[in-house]
């Protein structure tokens, strides 16, 4: 997995930066029958390291799902997007923020969480199966 070396970045005077990479998500994240990831997750994030070495990571995950429509059972493939918003705290206590140790932030958990939050509750083909909006 991709990581941010906070110690090295600060030594080089880089308090912020951008990262783009692909992440192979586990199909076990998906609770919808007969649906799987059809490609790796595309991740684009920006990080900012603060004076207290807390590091904010923001950005986006994009991925495609394929499988049977939950309503009509036709085969379909659709793209989904999610937001990455994480604060990493050095030697953190495991509260609401992500903790890191040794000056190195591993992005696995934050990316996995962003993908999990972006997953739909059901997989609809998008044709006639979309749920109409209530007015």
N, C-alpha and C. Protein backbone atom coordinates (compact mmCIF):
# COMPACT_ATOMS: atom_id res chain seq x y z
N UNK A 1 0.84 -1.18 0.00
CA UNK A 1 0.00 0.00 0.00
C UNK A 1 0.88 1.23 0.00
N UNK A 2 0.28 2.31 -0.35
CA UNK A 2 0.96 3.59 -0.40
C UNK A 2 0.99 4.20 1.01
N UNK A 3 2.06 4.89 1.30
CA UNK A 3 2.18 5.53 2.61
C UNK A 3 2.78 6.92 2.45
N UNK A 4 2.64 7.71 3.50
CA UNK A 4 3.24 9.04 3.56
C UNK A 4 4.31 9.00 4.64
N UNK A 5 5.53 9.30 4.26
CA UNK A 5 6.64 9.35 5.21
C UNK A 5 6.72 10.78 5.75
N UNK A 6 6.06 11.01 6.88
CA UNK A 6 5.95 12.35 7.46
C UNK A 6 7.33 12.89 7.82
N UNK A 7 8.15 12.08 8.44
CA UNK A 7 9.49 12.51 8.86
C UNK A 7 10.31 12.98 7.66
N UNK A 8 10.30 12.20 6.60
CA UNK A 8 11.08 12.55 5.40
C UNK A 8 10.51 13.79 4.72
N UNK A 9 9.19 13.86 4.62
CA UNK A 9 8.56 15.02 3.98
C UNK A 9 8.93 16.31 4.71
N UNK A 10 8.88 16.29 6.03
CA UNK A 10 9.22 17.48 6.80
C UNK A 10 10.70 17.83 6.65
N UNK A 11 11.56 16.80 6.59
CA UNK A 11 12.99 17.04 6.41
C UNK A 11 13.27 17.70 5.06
N UNK A 12 12.45 17.39 4.07
CA UNK A 12 12.60 17.97 2.73
C UNK A 12 11.83 19.29 2.58
N UNK A 13 11.15 19.71 3.65
CA UNK A 13 10.39 20.96 3.59
C UNK A 13 9.09 20.85 2.83
N UNK A 14 8.55 19.64 2.71
CA UNK A 14 7.29 19.42 1.99
C UNK A 14 6.17 19.18 2.99
N UNK A 15 5.49 20.25 3.37
CA UNK A 15 4.39 20.12 4.33
C UNK A 15 3.10 19.64 3.68
N UNK A 16 3.07 19.61 2.35
CA UNK A 16 1.88 19.15 1.65
C UNK A 16 2.29 18.48 0.35
N UNK A 17 1.35 17.72 -0.19
CA UNK A 17 1.63 17.04 -1.45
C UNK A 17 0.41 16.30 -1.95
N UNK A 18 0.53 15.78 -3.16
CA UNK A 18 -0.56 15.04 -3.80
C UNK A 18 -0.09 13.63 -4.09
N UNK A 19 -1.02 12.69 -3.97
CA UNK A 19 -0.75 11.29 -4.30
C UNK A 19 -1.90 10.74 -5.13
N UNK A 20 -1.57 9.95 -6.13
CA UNK A 20 -2.56 9.24 -6.91
C UNK A 20 -2.06 7.82 -7.07
N UNK A 21 -2.97 6.86 -6.85
CA UNK A 21 -2.57 5.45 -6.94
C UNK A 21 -3.81 4.59 -7.09
N UNK A 22 -3.60 3.32 -7.37
CA UNK A 22 -4.70 2.37 -7.46
C UNK A 22 -4.64 1.43 -6.27
N UNK A 23 -5.80 1.01 -5.82
CA UNK A 23 -5.93 0.18 -4.64
C UNK A 23 -6.82 -1.01 -5.00
N UNK A 24 -6.37 -2.21 -4.69
CA UNK A 24 -7.17 -3.41 -4.96
C UNK A 24 -8.08 -3.67 -3.76
N UNK A 25 -9.33 -3.32 -3.91
CA UNK A 25 -10.30 -3.51 -2.82
C UNK A 25 -10.77 -4.96 -2.79
N UNK A 26 -11.03 -5.43 -1.60
CA UNK A 26 -11.51 -6.79 -1.38
C UNK A 26 -13.02 -6.84 -1.61
N UNK A 27 -13.48 -7.80 -2.41
CA UNK A 27 -14.91 -7.94 -2.68
C UNK A 27 -15.70 -8.21 -1.40
N UNK A 28 -15.05 -8.63 -0.33
CA UNK A 28 -15.74 -8.88 0.94
C UNK A 28 -16.33 -7.59 1.52
N UNK A 29 -15.89 -6.42 1.06
CA UNK A 29 -16.47 -5.15 1.51
C UNK A 29 -17.91 -4.98 1.04
N UNK A 30 -18.27 -5.66 -0.04
CA UNK A 30 -19.57 -5.48 -0.68
C UNK A 30 -20.59 -6.45 -0.06
N UNK A 31 -21.70 -5.91 0.46
CA UNK A 31 -22.76 -6.73 1.06
C UNK A 31 -23.91 -7.00 0.10
N UNK A 32 -23.71 -6.76 -1.17
CA UNK A 32 -24.77 -6.94 -2.16
C UNK A 32 -24.50 -8.24 -2.92
N UNK A 33 -25.46 -9.17 -2.93
CA UNK A 33 -25.24 -10.44 -3.64
C UNK A 33 -24.97 -10.24 -5.13
N UNK A 34 -24.07 -11.04 -5.67
CA UNK A 34 -23.76 -11.09 -7.10
C UNK A 34 -23.17 -9.79 -7.63
N UNK A 35 -22.46 -9.04 -6.79
CA UNK A 35 -21.81 -7.79 -7.19
C UNK A 35 -20.36 -7.82 -6.74
N UNK A 36 -19.46 -7.32 -7.60
CA UNK A 36 -18.03 -7.28 -7.27
C UNK A 36 -17.39 -6.04 -7.89
N UNK A 37 -16.17 -5.76 -7.48
CA UNK A 37 -15.41 -4.67 -8.09
C UNK A 37 -14.99 -5.12 -9.49
N UNK A 38 -15.12 -4.23 -10.47
CA UNK A 38 -14.73 -4.60 -11.83
C UNK A 38 -13.36 -4.04 -12.20
N UNK A 39 -12.78 -3.22 -11.33
CA UNK A 39 -11.45 -2.66 -11.58
C UNK A 39 -10.87 -2.21 -10.25
N UNK A 40 -9.59 -1.90 -10.22
CA UNK A 40 -9.01 -1.37 -8.98
C UNK A 40 -9.63 -0.01 -8.64
N UNK A 41 -9.57 0.34 -7.38
CA UNK A 41 -10.06 1.64 -6.92
C UNK A 41 -9.01 2.68 -7.27
N UNK A 42 -9.44 3.76 -7.88
CA UNK A 42 -8.56 4.88 -8.21
C UNK A 42 -8.62 5.87 -7.05
N UNK A 43 -7.46 6.22 -6.49
CA UNK A 43 -7.38 7.09 -5.32
C UNK A 43 -6.57 8.33 -5.67
N UNK A 44 -7.12 9.50 -5.37
CA UNK A 44 -6.41 10.77 -5.53
C UNK A 44 -6.58 11.55 -4.24
N UNK A 45 -5.45 11.81 -3.56
CA UNK A 45 -5.53 12.52 -2.29
C UNK A 45 -4.49 13.63 -2.20
N UNK A 46 -4.77 14.55 -1.30
CA UNK A 46 -3.84 15.62 -0.96
C UNK A 46 -3.61 15.54 0.53
N UNK A 47 -2.36 15.69 0.94
CA UNK A 47 -2.07 15.67 2.37
C UNK A 47 -1.45 17.00 2.80
N UNK A 48 -1.70 17.33 4.07
CA UNK A 48 -1.10 18.52 4.66
C UNK A 48 -0.64 18.16 6.07
N UNK A 49 0.63 18.40 6.33
CA UNK A 49 1.22 18.09 7.63
C UNK A 49 1.27 19.39 8.44
N UNK A 50 0.70 19.34 9.63
CA UNK A 50 0.66 20.51 10.50
C UNK A 50 1.86 20.53 11.44
N UNK A 51 2.05 21.64 12.16
CA UNK A 51 3.20 21.80 13.05
C UNK A 51 3.29 20.71 14.11
N UNK A 52 2.14 20.24 14.59
CA UNK A 52 2.14 19.20 15.62
C UNK A 52 2.23 17.79 15.02
N UNK A 53 2.53 17.71 13.72
CA UNK A 53 2.70 16.48 12.95
C UNK A 53 1.39 15.74 12.69
N UNK A 54 0.27 16.34 13.11
CA UNK A 54 -1.01 15.79 12.67
C UNK A 54 -1.06 16.01 11.17
N UNK A 55 -1.67 15.07 10.48
CA UNK A 55 -1.69 15.14 9.02
C UNK A 55 -3.11 14.92 8.51
N UNK A 56 -3.58 15.88 7.72
CA UNK A 56 -4.90 15.77 7.12
C UNK A 56 -4.77 15.23 5.70
N UNK A 57 -5.60 14.25 5.39
CA UNK A 57 -5.62 13.65 4.05
C UNK A 57 -7.04 13.80 3.51
N UNK A 58 -7.16 14.47 2.36
CA UNK A 58 -8.46 14.66 1.72
C UNK A 58 -8.36 14.25 0.26
N UNK A 59 -9.47 13.84 -0.30
CA UNK A 59 -9.46 13.48 -1.71
C UNK A 59 -10.65 12.64 -2.09
N UNK A 60 -10.43 11.77 -3.07
CA UNK A 60 -11.52 11.03 -3.68
C UNK A 60 -11.10 9.61 -4.03
N UNK A 61 -12.06 8.69 -3.91
CA UNK A 61 -11.91 7.34 -4.44
C UNK A 61 -12.94 7.16 -5.53
N UNK A 62 -12.55 6.46 -6.60
CA UNK A 62 -13.47 6.14 -7.70
C UNK A 62 -13.32 4.66 -8.00
N UNK A 63 -14.45 4.00 -8.23
CA UNK A 63 -14.40 2.58 -8.53
C UNK A 63 -15.63 2.18 -9.32
N UNK A 64 -15.51 1.02 -9.98
CA UNK A 64 -16.62 0.47 -10.75
C UNK A 64 -17.06 -0.84 -10.12
N UNK A 65 -18.38 -1.03 -10.10
CA UNK A 65 -18.95 -2.29 -9.64
C UNK A 65 -19.64 -2.95 -10.82
N UNK A 66 -19.63 -4.27 -10.82
CA UNK A 66 -20.34 -5.02 -11.85
C UNK A 66 -21.12 -6.13 -11.17
N UNK A 67 -22.22 -6.51 -11.80
CA UNK A 67 -23.02 -7.61 -11.26
C UNK A 67 -24.46 -7.49 -11.65
N UNK A 68 -25.29 -8.20 -10.90
CA UNK A 68 -26.73 -8.23 -11.18
C UNK A 68 -27.44 -7.07 -10.51
N UNK A 69 -28.30 -6.44 -11.25
CA UNK A 69 -29.15 -5.38 -10.71
C UNK A 69 -30.01 -5.99 -9.59
N UNK A 70 -30.07 -5.31 -8.48
CA UNK A 70 -30.83 -5.80 -7.32
C UNK A 70 -32.33 -5.82 -7.59
N UNK A 71 -32.79 -5.09 -8.58
CA UNK A 71 -34.23 -5.02 -8.86
C UNK A 71 -34.62 -5.91 -10.04
N UNK A 72 -33.94 -5.80 -11.20
CA UNK A 72 -34.37 -6.53 -12.40
C UNK A 72 -33.47 -7.72 -12.73
N UNK A 73 -32.35 -7.87 -12.07
CA UNK A 73 -31.34 -8.94 -12.22
C UNK A 73 -30.56 -8.89 -13.53
N UNK A 74 -30.68 -7.79 -14.30
CA UNK A 74 -29.84 -7.64 -15.50
C UNK A 74 -28.40 -7.39 -15.08
N UNK A 75 -27.47 -7.80 -15.92
CA UNK A 75 -26.06 -7.51 -15.67
C UNK A 75 -25.81 -6.02 -15.91
N UNK A 76 -25.01 -5.42 -15.06
CA UNK A 76 -24.75 -3.99 -15.18
C UNK A 76 -23.36 -3.69 -14.64
N UNK A 77 -22.88 -2.51 -15.00
CA UNK A 77 -21.61 -2.00 -14.48
C UNK A 77 -21.78 -0.50 -14.30
N UNK A 78 -21.39 -0.01 -13.11
CA UNK A 78 -21.57 1.41 -12.81
C UNK A 78 -20.37 1.93 -12.04
N UNK A 79 -20.14 3.25 -12.18
CA UNK A 79 -19.05 3.90 -11.45
C UNK A 79 -19.60 4.59 -10.21
N UNK A 80 -18.79 4.56 -9.15
CA UNK A 80 -19.14 5.21 -7.89
C UNK A 80 -17.96 6.05 -7.43
N UNK A 81 -18.25 7.08 -6.65
CA UNK A 81 -17.23 7.96 -6.11
C UNK A 81 -17.47 8.13 -4.62
N UNK A 82 -16.37 8.33 -3.90
CA UNK A 82 -16.47 8.57 -2.48
C UNK A 82 -15.42 9.58 -2.05
N UNK A 83 -15.60 10.11 -0.87
CA UNK A 83 -14.72 11.14 -0.34
C UNK A 83 -13.76 10.54 0.69
N UNK A 84 -12.50 10.93 0.59
CA UNK A 84 -11.52 10.59 1.61
C UNK A 84 -11.34 11.83 2.48
N UNK A 85 -11.55 11.67 3.76
CA UNK A 85 -11.35 12.75 4.71
C UNK A 85 -10.85 12.11 6.00
N UNK A 86 -9.55 12.26 6.26
CA UNK A 86 -8.95 11.58 7.41
C UNK A 86 -7.93 12.49 8.09
N UNK A 87 -7.89 12.39 9.39
CA UNK A 87 -6.88 13.08 10.18
C UNK A 87 -6.05 12.02 10.88
N UNK A 88 -4.74 12.06 10.62
CA UNK A 88 -3.81 11.10 11.22
C UNK A 88 -3.07 11.79 12.36
N UNK A 89 -3.06 11.15 13.52
CA UNK A 89 -2.46 11.72 14.72
C UNK A 89 -1.27 10.85 15.12
N UNK A 90 -0.09 11.48 15.31
CA UNK A 90 1.06 10.67 15.72
C UNK A 90 0.82 10.07 17.10
N UNK A 91 1.09 8.78 17.23
CA UNK A 91 0.92 8.05 18.49
C UNK A 91 -0.47 8.26 19.09
N UNK A 92 -1.46 8.33 18.22
CA UNK A 92 -2.83 8.59 18.64
C UNK A 92 -3.40 7.50 19.51
N UNK A 93 -4.52 7.81 20.16
CA UNK A 93 -5.14 6.86 21.09
C UNK A 93 -6.20 5.98 20.44
N UNK A 94 -6.34 6.09 19.13
CA UNK A 94 -7.32 5.25 18.44
C UNK A 94 -8.75 5.77 18.57
N UNK A 95 -8.92 7.05 18.88
CA UNK A 95 -10.25 7.64 18.98
C UNK A 95 -10.88 7.74 17.60
N UNK A 96 -11.47 8.89 17.32
CA UNK A 96 -12.12 9.09 16.02
C UNK A 96 -11.12 9.27 14.89
N UNK A 97 -9.91 9.69 15.21
CA UNK A 97 -8.90 9.91 14.19
C UNK A 97 -8.08 8.64 13.97
N UNK A 98 -7.31 8.64 12.90
CA UNK A 98 -6.42 7.53 12.61
C UNK A 98 -5.08 7.80 13.30
N UNK A 99 -4.48 6.77 13.83
CA UNK A 99 -3.20 6.92 14.51
C UNK A 99 -2.08 6.44 13.58
N UNK A 100 -0.90 7.00 13.77
CA UNK A 100 0.28 6.49 13.07
C UNK A 100 1.48 6.55 14.00
N UNK A 101 2.44 5.68 13.73
CA UNK A 101 3.64 5.59 14.56
C UNK A 101 4.87 5.54 13.67
N UNK A 102 5.98 5.94 14.22
CA UNK A 102 7.24 5.86 13.49
C UNK A 102 7.36 6.84 12.34
N UNK A 103 6.54 7.88 12.32
CA UNK A 103 6.65 8.89 11.28
C UNK A 103 6.13 8.46 9.92
N UNK A 104 5.39 7.35 9.87
CA UNK A 104 4.92 6.82 8.59
C UNK A 104 3.42 6.54 8.64
N UNK A 105 2.69 7.16 7.75
CA UNK A 105 1.24 6.98 7.66
C UNK A 105 0.93 5.97 6.57
N UNK A 106 0.27 4.89 6.95
CA UNK A 106 -0.20 3.92 5.97
C UNK A 106 -1.66 4.24 5.67
N UNK A 107 -1.97 4.35 4.40
CA UNK A 107 -3.29 4.83 3.98
C UNK A 107 -4.34 3.74 3.83
N UNK A 108 -3.99 2.48 4.04
CA UNK A 108 -4.90 1.35 3.82
C UNK A 108 -6.27 1.54 4.47
N UNK A 109 -6.27 1.76 5.77
CA UNK A 109 -7.53 1.81 6.51
C UNK A 109 -8.41 2.98 6.08
N UNK A 110 -7.82 4.14 5.88
CA UNK A 110 -8.59 5.32 5.46
C UNK A 110 -9.19 5.12 4.07
N UNK A 111 -8.44 4.52 3.16
CA UNK A 111 -8.95 4.27 1.81
C UNK A 111 -10.05 3.21 1.86
N UNK A 112 -9.82 2.15 2.62
CA UNK A 112 -10.83 1.09 2.77
C UNK A 112 -12.13 1.68 3.35
N UNK A 113 -12.01 2.54 4.35
CA UNK A 113 -13.19 3.18 4.94
C UNK A 113 -13.92 4.06 3.92
N UNK A 114 -13.17 4.82 3.12
CA UNK A 114 -13.78 5.69 2.11
C UNK A 114 -14.55 4.87 1.08
N UNK A 115 -13.99 3.73 0.68
CA UNK A 115 -14.67 2.85 -0.28
C UNK A 115 -15.93 2.27 0.36
N UNK A 116 -15.81 1.81 1.60
CA UNK A 116 -16.97 1.22 2.29
C UNK A 116 -18.12 2.22 2.41
N UNK A 117 -17.81 3.48 2.73
CA UNK A 117 -18.85 4.50 2.85
C UNK A 117 -19.46 4.87 1.50
N UNK A 118 -18.72 4.68 0.42
CA UNK A 118 -19.21 5.03 -0.92
C UNK A 118 -20.03 3.91 -1.57
N UNK A 119 -19.99 2.73 -0.99
CA UNK A 119 -20.74 1.61 -1.56
C UNK A 119 -22.24 1.84 -1.44
N UNK A 120 -23.00 1.48 -2.49
CA UNK A 120 -24.46 1.65 -2.41
C UNK A 120 -25.08 0.56 -1.54
N UNK A 121 -26.31 0.80 -1.08
CA UNK A 121 -27.04 -0.21 -0.30
C UNK A 121 -27.58 -1.31 -1.20
N UNK A 122 -27.88 -0.94 -2.44
CA UNK A 122 -28.32 -1.91 -3.44
C UNK A 122 -27.69 -1.51 -4.76
N UNK A 123 -27.59 -2.45 -5.68
CA UNK A 123 -26.95 -2.20 -6.97
C UNK A 123 -28.03 -2.16 -8.04
N UNK A 124 -28.24 -0.97 -8.60
CA UNK A 124 -29.28 -0.80 -9.60
C UNK A 124 -28.64 -0.52 -10.96
N UNK A 125 -29.21 -1.08 -12.01
CA UNK A 125 -28.62 -0.99 -13.35
C UNK A 125 -28.68 0.42 -13.92
N UNK A 126 -29.60 1.24 -13.43
CA UNK A 126 -29.67 2.62 -13.92
C UNK A 126 -30.66 2.82 -15.04
N UNK A 127 -31.19 1.74 -15.60
CA UNK A 127 -32.18 1.89 -16.66
C UNK A 127 -33.51 2.30 -16.05
N UNK A 128 -34.45 1.40 -16.00
CA UNK A 128 -35.75 1.69 -15.41
C UNK A 128 -35.79 1.38 -13.92
N UNK A 129 -34.69 0.98 -13.38
CA UNK A 129 -34.68 0.50 -11.99
C UNK A 129 -34.29 1.56 -10.96
N UNK A 130 -33.90 2.73 -11.40
CA UNK A 130 -33.57 3.77 -10.45
C UNK A 130 -34.80 4.14 -9.65
N UNK A 131 -34.63 4.36 -8.39
CA UNK A 131 -35.74 4.74 -7.52
C UNK A 131 -36.08 6.21 -7.79
N UNK A 132 -37.33 6.52 -8.11
CA UNK A 132 -37.69 7.91 -8.39
C UNK A 132 -37.55 8.76 -7.15
N UNK A 133 -37.21 10.02 -7.36
CA UNK A 133 -37.09 10.97 -6.26
C UNK A 133 -38.47 11.38 -5.80
N UNK A 134 -38.63 11.56 -4.51
CA UNK A 134 -39.91 12.01 -3.96
C UNK A 134 -39.95 13.54 -3.99
N UNK A 135 -41.06 14.07 -4.33
CA UNK A 135 -41.21 15.53 -4.42
C UNK A 135 -42.14 16.02 -3.36
